[in-house]
Protein backbone atom coordinates (compact mmCIF):
# COMPACT_ATOMS: atom_id res chain seq x y z
CA MET A 1 -9.61 18.73 -3.94
CA LYS A 2 -6.40 18.43 -1.91
CA GLU A 3 -8.18 16.35 0.73
CA SER A 4 -9.35 13.79 -1.85
CA ILE A 5 -5.79 13.53 -3.19
CA LEU A 6 -4.48 12.89 0.32
CA VAL A 7 -7.10 10.16 0.79
CA VAL A 8 -6.04 8.47 -2.46
CA LEU A 9 -2.35 8.68 -1.55
CA GLY A 10 -3.06 7.43 1.97
CA SER A 11 -5.05 4.43 0.74
CA GLY A 12 -2.32 3.59 -1.79
CA PHE A 13 0.32 3.87 0.95
CA VAL A 14 -1.62 1.53 3.24
CA SER A 15 -2.16 -0.99 0.43
CA ARG A 16 1.59 -1.02 -0.28
CA ILE A 17 2.41 -1.66 3.38
CA ILE A 18 -0.04 -4.58 3.30
CA MET A 19 1.40 -5.89 0.02
CA ILE A 20 5.08 -5.81 1.06
CA PRO A 21 4.84 -8.73 3.58
CA ASN A 22 2.91 -10.77 1.00
CA VAL A 23 5.61 -10.18 -1.64
CA ILE A 24 8.32 -11.19 0.84
CA ALA A 25 6.43 -14.36 1.78
CA ASN A 26 5.92 -15.24 -1.91
CA SER A 27 9.61 -14.70 -2.73
CA ARG A 28 10.67 -16.96 0.17
CA VAL A 29 8.44 -19.79 -1.04
């Protein structure tokens, strides 16, 4: 149970790190 939660949090964390540069690029344009 705890392991699956960590996997979900980890995947969400990675997706945020990937999204941040895209948001910055969109705001500049």
